[in-house]
Structures are given as C-alpha cells and as structure tokens.
N, C-alpha and C. Protein backbone atom coordinates (compact mmCIF):
# COMPACT_ATOMS: atom_id res chain seq x y z
N MET A 1 -21.12 -8.99 3.11
CA MET A 1 -20.28 -8.60 4.24
C MET A 1 -20.91 -7.41 4.96
N THR A 2 -21.26 -7.54 6.20
CA THR A 2 -21.87 -6.50 6.95
C THR A 2 -20.84 -5.82 7.79
N PRO A 3 -20.67 -4.48 7.67
CA PRO A 3 -19.73 -3.72 8.54
C PRO A 3 -20.01 -3.96 9.98
N ARG A 4 -18.98 -4.08 10.75
CA ARG A 4 -19.12 -4.25 12.22
C ARG A 4 -19.37 -2.96 12.98
N LEU A 5 -18.94 -1.86 12.33
CA LEU A 5 -19.18 -0.57 12.90
C LEU A 5 -18.91 0.49 11.89
N ASN A 6 -19.24 1.73 12.15
CA ASN A 6 -19.02 2.82 11.23
C ASN A 6 -17.69 3.42 11.63
N LEU A 7 -16.71 3.25 10.74
CA LEU A 7 -15.37 3.76 11.02
C LEU A 7 -15.31 5.27 11.24
N TYR A 8 -16.19 5.98 10.56
CA TYR A 8 -16.17 7.42 10.54
C TYR A 8 -16.81 8.04 11.80
N THR A 9 -17.70 7.27 12.44
CA THR A 9 -18.40 7.83 13.58
C THR A 9 -18.03 7.21 14.92
N ALA A 10 -17.42 6.01 14.92
CA ALA A 10 -17.12 5.34 16.18
C ALA A 10 -16.13 6.10 17.00
N GLU A 11 -15.15 6.75 16.41
CA GLU A 11 -14.13 7.55 17.11
C GLU A 11 -13.75 8.66 16.17
N PRO A 12 -14.56 9.71 16.00
CA PRO A 12 -14.37 10.72 14.98
C PRO A 12 -13.11 11.52 15.10
N ASP A 13 -12.69 11.89 16.30
CA ASP A 13 -11.46 12.73 16.42
C ASP A 13 -10.23 11.96 15.97
N ILE A 14 -10.05 10.75 16.49
CA ILE A 14 -8.92 9.98 16.09
C ILE A 14 -8.96 9.60 14.62
N PHE A 15 -10.19 9.26 14.12
CA PHE A 15 -10.29 8.89 12.70
C PHE A 15 -9.94 10.05 11.81
N LYS A 16 -10.35 11.28 12.18
CA LYS A 16 -10.02 12.47 11.40
C LYS A 16 -8.48 12.66 11.39
N ALA A 17 -7.84 12.48 12.51
CA ALA A 17 -6.38 12.56 12.55
C ALA A 17 -5.68 11.45 11.74
N TRP A 18 -6.23 10.29 11.77
CA TRP A 18 -5.70 9.13 10.98
C TRP A 18 -5.84 9.44 9.51
N PHE A 19 -6.97 9.98 9.13
CA PHE A 19 -7.24 10.31 7.74
C PHE A 19 -6.28 11.42 7.28
N ALA A 20 -6.11 12.44 8.09
CA ALA A 20 -5.20 13.54 7.79
C ALA A 20 -3.77 13.06 7.60
N TYR A 21 -3.35 12.17 8.54
CA TYR A 21 -2.01 11.53 8.41
C TYR A 21 -1.85 10.74 7.11
N SER A 22 -2.85 9.95 6.81
CA SER A 22 -2.83 9.17 5.55
C SER A 22 -2.72 10.14 4.30
N GLN A 23 -3.45 11.19 4.31
CA GLN A 23 -3.39 12.11 3.19
C GLN A 23 -2.04 12.81 3.15
N LYS A 24 -1.44 13.18 4.27
CA LYS A 24 -0.12 13.84 4.26
C LYS A 24 0.89 12.89 3.71
N VAL A 25 0.85 11.63 4.12
CA VAL A 25 1.83 10.64 3.64
C VAL A 25 1.65 10.42 2.15
N ALA A 26 0.37 10.38 1.72
CA ALA A 26 0.10 10.20 0.25
C ALA A 26 0.67 11.32 -0.60
N GLU A 27 0.89 12.44 0.01
CA GLU A 27 1.42 13.63 -0.76
C GLU A 27 2.89 13.80 -0.55
N CYS A 28 3.57 12.74 -0.15
CA CYS A 28 5.02 12.85 0.22
C CYS A 28 5.96 13.16 -0.92
N GLY A 29 5.54 12.98 -2.16
CA GLY A 29 6.38 13.27 -3.28
C GLY A 29 6.83 12.03 -4.05
N LEU A 30 6.65 10.87 -3.52
CA LEU A 30 6.99 9.66 -4.26
C LEU A 30 6.02 9.50 -5.43
N GLU A 31 6.42 8.84 -6.49
CA GLU A 31 5.63 8.71 -7.67
C GLU A 31 4.29 8.00 -7.36
N LYS A 32 3.23 8.55 -7.83
CA LYS A 32 1.91 8.00 -7.55
C LYS A 32 1.76 6.57 -8.04
N PRO A 33 2.18 6.22 -9.26
CA PRO A 33 2.07 4.79 -9.68
C PRO A 33 2.83 3.89 -8.76
N LEU A 34 3.98 4.26 -8.30
CA LEU A 34 4.79 3.44 -7.40
C LEU A 34 4.01 3.22 -6.07
N LEU A 35 3.45 4.30 -5.54
CA LEU A 35 2.71 4.14 -4.30
C LEU A 35 1.52 3.23 -4.48
N GLU A 36 0.86 3.32 -5.61
CA GLU A 36 -0.30 2.47 -5.81
C GLU A 36 0.08 0.99 -5.90
N LEU A 37 1.25 0.75 -6.55
CA LEU A 37 1.73 -0.67 -6.58
C LEU A 37 2.01 -1.20 -5.18
N VAL A 38 2.63 -0.36 -4.39
CA VAL A 38 2.92 -0.76 -3.02
C VAL A 38 1.63 -1.03 -2.24
N LYS A 39 0.62 -0.11 -2.38
CA LYS A 39 -0.67 -0.29 -1.72
C LYS A 39 -1.36 -1.60 -2.17
N ILE A 40 -1.27 -1.88 -3.47
CA ILE A 40 -1.85 -3.14 -3.99
C ILE A 40 -1.17 -4.32 -3.36
N ARG A 41 0.16 -4.30 -3.39
CA ARG A 41 0.90 -5.49 -2.88
C ARG A 41 0.63 -5.73 -1.40
N ALA A 42 0.67 -4.69 -0.59
CA ALA A 42 0.38 -4.91 0.81
C ALA A 42 -1.04 -5.40 1.01
N SER A 43 -1.96 -4.88 0.26
CA SER A 43 -3.36 -5.26 0.39
C SER A 43 -3.59 -6.69 -0.09
N GLN A 44 -2.83 -7.14 -1.06
CA GLN A 44 -2.86 -8.55 -1.48
C GLN A 44 -2.45 -9.41 -0.36
N ILE A 45 -1.33 -9.09 0.26
CA ILE A 45 -0.77 -9.91 1.38
C ILE A 45 -1.76 -9.97 2.54
N ASN A 46 -2.41 -8.84 2.82
CA ASN A 46 -3.35 -8.73 3.93
C ASN A 46 -4.75 -9.18 3.59
N GLY A 47 -5.01 -9.49 2.29
CA GLY A 47 -6.35 -9.96 1.91
C GLY A 47 -7.40 -8.91 2.08
N CYS A 48 -7.10 -7.64 1.77
CA CYS A 48 -8.07 -6.55 1.95
C CYS A 48 -8.74 -6.23 0.67
N ALA A 49 -9.94 -6.71 0.50
CA ALA A 49 -10.74 -6.43 -0.72
C ALA A 49 -11.06 -5.00 -0.93
N ASN A 50 -11.35 -4.28 0.12
CA ASN A 50 -11.68 -2.89 0.05
C ASN A 50 -10.48 -2.10 -0.51
N CYS A 51 -9.33 -2.32 0.05
CA CYS A 51 -8.17 -1.55 -0.41
C CYS A 51 -7.68 -1.99 -1.81
N LEU A 52 -7.82 -3.28 -2.15
CA LEU A 52 -7.54 -3.71 -3.52
C LEU A 52 -8.44 -3.06 -4.51
N ASN A 53 -9.73 -2.93 -4.19
CA ASN A 53 -10.71 -2.27 -5.08
C ASN A 53 -10.27 -0.81 -5.24
N ILE A 54 -9.96 -0.13 -4.21
CA ILE A 54 -9.59 1.27 -4.30
C ILE A 54 -8.28 1.48 -5.09
N HIS A 55 -7.26 0.74 -4.69
CA HIS A 55 -5.94 1.02 -5.23
C HIS A 55 -5.72 0.44 -6.64
N THR A 56 -6.45 -0.58 -7.04
CA THR A 56 -6.31 -0.98 -8.44
C THR A 56 -6.92 0.07 -9.30
N SER A 57 -8.04 0.64 -8.86
CA SER A 57 -8.70 1.75 -9.63
C SER A 57 -7.80 2.99 -9.63
N ASP A 58 -7.24 3.32 -8.48
CA ASP A 58 -6.31 4.50 -8.45
C ASP A 58 -5.08 4.28 -9.29
N ALA A 59 -4.58 3.06 -9.33
CA ALA A 59 -3.39 2.73 -10.14
C ALA A 59 -3.71 3.00 -11.66
N ARG A 60 -4.91 2.55 -12.08
CA ARG A 60 -5.32 2.82 -13.47
C ARG A 60 -5.34 4.32 -13.74
N LYS A 61 -5.96 5.02 -12.81
CA LYS A 61 -6.07 6.51 -12.98
C LYS A 61 -4.67 7.17 -13.01
N ALA A 62 -3.68 6.53 -12.32
CA ALA A 62 -2.33 7.07 -12.30
C ALA A 62 -1.49 6.63 -13.52
N GLY A 63 -2.12 5.84 -14.44
CA GLY A 63 -1.47 5.41 -15.64
C GLY A 63 -0.88 3.99 -15.67
N GLU A 64 -1.14 3.27 -14.62
CA GLU A 64 -0.69 1.84 -14.58
C GLU A 64 -1.49 1.03 -15.60
N THR A 65 -0.81 0.06 -16.22
CA THR A 65 -1.43 -0.82 -17.17
C THR A 65 -2.07 -2.03 -16.40
N GLU A 66 -3.06 -2.61 -17.09
CA GLU A 66 -3.67 -3.84 -16.50
C GLU A 66 -2.61 -4.93 -16.27
N GLN A 67 -1.68 -5.06 -17.23
CA GLN A 67 -0.64 -6.09 -17.01
C GLN A 67 0.12 -5.91 -15.75
N ARG A 68 0.61 -4.67 -15.48
CA ARG A 68 1.42 -4.42 -14.28
C ARG A 68 0.59 -4.55 -13.06
N ILE A 69 -0.70 -4.12 -13.06
CA ILE A 69 -1.54 -4.26 -11.92
C ILE A 69 -1.73 -5.78 -11.62
N HIS A 70 -2.00 -6.60 -12.63
CA HIS A 70 -2.26 -8.01 -12.42
C HIS A 70 -1.02 -8.78 -12.01
N LEU A 71 0.11 -8.38 -12.45
CA LEU A 71 1.38 -9.09 -12.21
C LEU A 71 2.04 -8.70 -10.90
N VAL A 72 1.57 -7.66 -10.23
CA VAL A 72 2.26 -7.24 -8.98
C VAL A 72 2.31 -8.33 -7.94
N ALA A 73 1.36 -9.25 -7.94
CA ALA A 73 1.41 -10.37 -6.96
C ALA A 73 2.63 -11.27 -7.27
N ALA A 74 3.10 -11.28 -8.49
CA ALA A 74 4.23 -12.16 -8.86
C ALA A 74 5.39 -11.22 -9.42
N TRP A 75 5.60 -10.11 -8.81
CA TRP A 75 6.53 -9.09 -9.34
C TRP A 75 7.97 -9.68 -9.49
N ARG A 76 8.36 -10.59 -8.68
CA ARG A 76 9.74 -11.15 -8.82
C ARG A 76 9.94 -11.82 -10.15
N ASP A 77 8.93 -12.42 -10.68
CA ASP A 77 9.04 -13.18 -11.93
C ASP A 77 8.54 -12.41 -13.15
N ALA A 78 8.13 -11.22 -12.95
CA ALA A 78 7.59 -10.38 -14.06
C ALA A 78 8.62 -9.34 -14.46
N PRO A 79 9.01 -9.33 -15.78
CA PRO A 79 10.09 -8.41 -16.19
C PRO A 79 9.66 -6.94 -16.36
N CYS A 80 8.41 -6.61 -16.06
CA CYS A 80 7.87 -5.26 -16.31
C CYS A 80 8.11 -4.19 -15.26
N TYR A 81 8.80 -4.55 -14.18
CA TYR A 81 9.03 -3.61 -13.09
C TYR A 81 10.49 -3.12 -13.05
N THR A 82 10.66 -1.89 -12.73
CA THR A 82 12.01 -1.29 -12.69
C THR A 82 12.69 -1.72 -11.37
N ASP A 83 14.03 -1.50 -11.36
CA ASP A 83 14.74 -1.80 -10.10
C ASP A 83 14.20 -1.06 -8.88
N ARG A 84 13.82 0.20 -9.15
CA ARG A 84 13.22 1.01 -8.08
C ARG A 84 11.90 0.41 -7.57
N GLU A 85 11.06 -0.03 -8.50
CA GLU A 85 9.80 -0.65 -8.11
C GLU A 85 10.03 -1.96 -7.37
N ARG A 86 11.04 -2.74 -7.87
CA ARG A 86 11.32 -4.02 -7.21
C ARG A 86 11.82 -3.80 -5.78
N ALA A 87 12.65 -2.79 -5.62
CA ALA A 87 13.15 -2.51 -4.25
C ALA A 87 11.98 -2.10 -3.33
N ALA A 88 11.04 -1.30 -3.87
CA ALA A 88 9.91 -0.85 -3.08
C ALA A 88 8.97 -2.02 -2.74
N LEU A 89 8.72 -2.89 -3.74
CA LEU A 89 7.87 -4.01 -3.50
C LEU A 89 8.46 -4.98 -2.49
N ASP A 90 9.74 -5.25 -2.60
CA ASP A 90 10.40 -6.14 -1.64
C ASP A 90 10.33 -5.54 -0.22
N TRP A 91 10.62 -4.25 -0.09
CA TRP A 91 10.53 -3.58 1.21
C TRP A 91 9.08 -3.68 1.72
N THR A 92 8.13 -3.45 0.85
CA THR A 92 6.72 -3.54 1.23
C THR A 92 6.39 -4.93 1.80
N GLU A 93 6.83 -5.94 1.16
CA GLU A 93 6.56 -7.35 1.63
C GLU A 93 7.19 -7.54 3.01
N HIS A 94 8.42 -7.08 3.16
CA HIS A 94 9.06 -7.26 4.45
C HIS A 94 8.45 -6.44 5.56
N MET A 95 8.08 -5.25 5.29
CA MET A 95 7.47 -4.37 6.29
C MET A 95 6.06 -4.87 6.64
N THR A 96 5.37 -5.41 5.65
CA THR A 96 3.98 -5.94 5.88
C THR A 96 4.01 -7.19 6.70
N GLN A 97 5.05 -8.03 6.54
CA GLN A 97 5.15 -9.29 7.22
C GLN A 97 6.36 -9.22 8.16
N ILE A 98 6.52 -8.11 8.81
CA ILE A 98 7.72 -7.85 9.60
C ILE A 98 7.95 -8.90 10.72
N ALA A 99 6.87 -9.41 11.28
CA ALA A 99 7.03 -10.34 12.40
C ALA A 99 7.74 -11.62 11.96
N THR A 100 7.61 -12.00 10.69
CA THR A 100 8.19 -13.20 10.25
C THR A 100 9.35 -13.01 9.27
N SER A 101 9.33 -11.87 8.56
CA SER A 101 10.38 -11.66 7.52
C SER A 101 11.44 -10.70 7.96
N ARG A 102 11.14 -9.89 9.00
CA ARG A 102 12.11 -8.86 9.46
C ARG A 102 12.44 -7.90 8.34
N ALA A 103 13.61 -7.20 8.48
CA ALA A 103 14.07 -6.25 7.49
C ALA A 103 15.55 -6.59 7.22
N PRO A 104 15.81 -7.55 6.39
CA PRO A 104 17.21 -8.06 6.14
C PRO A 104 18.09 -6.96 5.55
N ASP A 105 19.32 -6.98 5.87
CA ASP A 105 20.33 -5.99 5.31
C ASP A 105 20.29 -5.95 3.83
N ALA A 106 20.20 -7.10 3.18
CA ALA A 106 20.20 -7.12 1.71
C ALA A 106 19.00 -6.41 1.11
N VAL A 107 17.83 -6.57 1.77
CA VAL A 107 16.61 -5.91 1.28
C VAL A 107 16.77 -4.37 1.46
N HIS A 108 17.30 -4.00 2.61
CA HIS A 108 17.53 -2.55 2.83
C HIS A 108 18.55 -2.01 1.88
N ALA A 109 19.59 -2.76 1.61
CA ALA A 109 20.62 -2.25 0.67
C ALA A 109 20.06 -2.03 -0.68
N ALA A 110 19.20 -2.93 -1.13
CA ALA A 110 18.51 -2.71 -2.43
C ALA A 110 17.64 -1.47 -2.40
N LEU A 111 16.96 -1.27 -1.29
CA LEU A 111 16.16 -0.06 -1.11
C LEU A 111 16.96 1.18 -1.16
N ALA A 112 18.10 1.16 -0.37
CA ALA A 112 19.00 2.35 -0.27
C ALA A 112 19.67 2.68 -1.64
N ALA A 113 19.83 1.66 -2.47
CA ALA A 113 20.42 1.91 -3.80
C ALA A 113 19.43 2.69 -4.72
N GLN A 114 18.14 2.66 -4.39
CA GLN A 114 17.11 3.24 -5.24
C GLN A 114 16.45 4.42 -4.67
N PHE A 115 16.49 4.61 -3.34
CA PHE A 115 15.74 5.62 -2.66
C PHE A 115 16.68 6.45 -1.74
N THR A 116 16.51 7.74 -1.68
CA THR A 116 17.26 8.55 -0.74
C THR A 116 16.81 8.24 0.65
N PRO A 117 17.54 8.62 1.67
CA PRO A 117 17.08 8.41 3.03
C PRO A 117 15.70 8.98 3.28
N ALA A 118 15.40 10.18 2.87
CA ALA A 118 14.09 10.78 3.01
C ALA A 118 12.96 9.88 2.29
N GLU A 119 13.31 9.43 1.10
CA GLU A 119 12.33 8.61 0.38
C GLU A 119 12.12 7.27 1.05
N GLN A 120 13.17 6.76 1.67
CA GLN A 120 13.00 5.49 2.42
C GLN A 120 12.00 5.65 3.61
N VAL A 121 12.09 6.78 4.26
CA VAL A 121 11.16 7.08 5.35
C VAL A 121 9.75 7.28 4.73
N GLN A 122 9.63 8.07 3.67
CA GLN A 122 8.37 8.26 3.02
C GLN A 122 7.71 6.97 2.61
N LEU A 123 8.45 6.11 1.94
CA LEU A 123 7.94 4.81 1.54
C LEU A 123 7.49 3.96 2.71
N THR A 124 8.32 3.93 3.74
CA THR A 124 7.99 3.13 4.91
C THR A 124 6.73 3.63 5.64
N LEU A 125 6.53 4.99 5.64
CA LEU A 125 5.30 5.53 6.21
C LEU A 125 4.12 5.18 5.31
N ALA A 126 4.30 5.20 3.99
CA ALA A 126 3.23 4.86 3.10
C ALA A 126 2.83 3.36 3.32
N ILE A 127 3.78 2.51 3.57
CA ILE A 127 3.50 1.11 3.86
C ILE A 127 2.78 0.96 5.17
N ASP A 128 3.19 1.77 6.14
CA ASP A 128 2.52 1.84 7.44
C ASP A 128 1.05 2.18 7.23
N VAL A 129 0.83 3.24 6.46
CA VAL A 129 -0.61 3.69 6.26
C VAL A 129 -1.43 2.63 5.63
N ILE A 130 -0.96 1.98 4.50
CA ILE A 130 -1.84 1.03 3.87
C ILE A 130 -2.07 -0.17 4.76
N ASN A 131 -1.04 -0.56 5.50
CA ASN A 131 -1.24 -1.68 6.46
C ASN A 131 -2.34 -1.30 7.50
N GLY A 132 -2.33 -0.07 7.95
CA GLY A 132 -3.29 0.39 8.90
C GLY A 132 -4.71 0.34 8.30
N TRP A 133 -4.80 0.84 7.11
CA TRP A 133 -6.11 0.83 6.40
C TRP A 133 -6.60 -0.65 6.22
N ASN A 134 -5.65 -1.51 5.81
CA ASN A 134 -6.05 -2.92 5.66
C ASN A 134 -6.60 -3.47 6.93
N ARG A 135 -5.96 -3.15 8.04
CA ARG A 135 -6.41 -3.71 9.35
C ARG A 135 -7.77 -3.16 9.69
N LEU A 136 -7.99 -1.89 9.44
CA LEU A 136 -9.33 -1.30 9.69
C LEU A 136 -10.42 -1.98 8.85
N ALA A 137 -10.13 -2.07 7.54
CA ALA A 137 -11.12 -2.63 6.63
C ALA A 137 -11.38 -4.12 6.89
N VAL A 138 -10.36 -4.86 7.07
CA VAL A 138 -10.54 -6.33 7.29
C VAL A 138 -11.16 -6.55 8.70
N GLY A 139 -10.63 -5.86 9.67
CA GLY A 139 -11.13 -6.02 11.04
C GLY A 139 -12.56 -5.69 11.27
N PHE A 140 -13.00 -4.66 10.54
CA PHE A 140 -14.38 -4.19 10.75
C PHE A 140 -15.27 -4.44 9.58
N ASN A 141 -14.89 -5.38 8.66
CA ASN A 141 -15.69 -5.76 7.48
C ASN A 141 -16.12 -4.54 6.68
N PHE A 142 -15.17 -3.62 6.51
CA PHE A 142 -15.49 -2.41 5.77
C PHE A 142 -15.21 -2.62 4.27
N TYR A 143 -16.24 -2.34 3.45
CA TYR A 143 -16.07 -2.41 2.02
C TYR A 143 -16.98 -1.36 1.41
N ALA A 144 -16.32 -0.43 0.67
CA ALA A 144 -17.08 0.67 0.06
C ALA A 144 -16.82 0.61 -1.46
N PRO A 145 -17.64 -0.10 -2.19
CA PRO A 145 -17.43 -0.30 -3.63
C PRO A 145 -17.41 1.01 -4.38
N GLU A 146 -18.11 2.00 -3.90
CA GLU A 146 -18.15 3.26 -4.61
C GLU A 146 -16.82 4.02 -4.59
N LEU A 147 -15.90 3.57 -3.76
CA LEU A 147 -14.60 4.22 -3.69
C LEU A 147 -13.60 3.66 -4.75
N GLY A 148 -13.95 2.60 -5.35
CA GLY A 148 -12.96 1.95 -6.29
C GLY A 148 -13.48 1.76 -7.68
N TRP A 149 -13.11 0.68 -8.25
CA TRP A 149 -13.37 0.37 -9.64
C TRP A 149 -14.89 0.26 -9.94
N LYS A 150 -15.25 0.81 -11.04
CA LYS A 150 -16.68 0.76 -11.45
C LYS A 150 -16.77 0.16 -12.83
C-alpha cells in the first residue's frame, strides 16, 4: 500500500490542530480500555488496518485481554463485556454508521443508563475522532506499522 500523500506535511496547520483535538479528547477521563474497545470497533466497521494495528496494541497496553480484543467484533454474543461497554459499543456502531442506523431512542437510553451527560459527549467525541482518523488513513492509504503491534 503506497500512501497517497503525507498527512503531516500536506496541511500542517490544520493537521496540528486535528492532532491536538484528538489528544484532548483522548484525555477526557473515560476509561482507557473502554476507549480502545470503541476505537477498535469503529475501525473494524470502517476497515482501517492502520487504526486496528494501533488500537489493538494500545488496548493490550491498557490491560485488555486477547479474548476481549478478538471478540469485540461480535460483542453482542460475547459474555465478557460489561453493560457499560455494551452501551458504548452499541453507540459506537450507530454513530459510525449514522447514515443508515441513526441514533435510536433505545440505544441512547442504554447509553444514558451507563454514562453521565458529560461522559456521553466525551464518548461521542471519541467516536468522532476515531472515525476521522479512519477516514484519513483509509482515504490516503496511510499505514504506519511502527505505531502499533510489534
């Protein structure tokens, strides 16, 4: 896979702002393992090899088990996720596929039962960020193996 352009130099000012925004959202206070599961699930849906490489590695570093990392694609049928994680993963799927799945009241109700209003915004911004990174990486054939699993 040959990169189509250099993300870091093509538009440096906006890219620096995007990166700073991404970092700020990552430091929102939500549990690191939860955020990594969300990033993995969105990246699976979007078919982003770069982000899957990074976030499966980051999930391991955050204490996630191989089982939970591998099963996140089938989280509905896997008994190893908490109600809070399930609500986050369901919200992630709906936000990632918003054009077709929308944001049903039942999905939001499950989210609201597990997350405060501030956490709901934090989670939704985290989903926004990973979807943005997925689009950059997939759109421009970006893959940096040194950033992920070794």
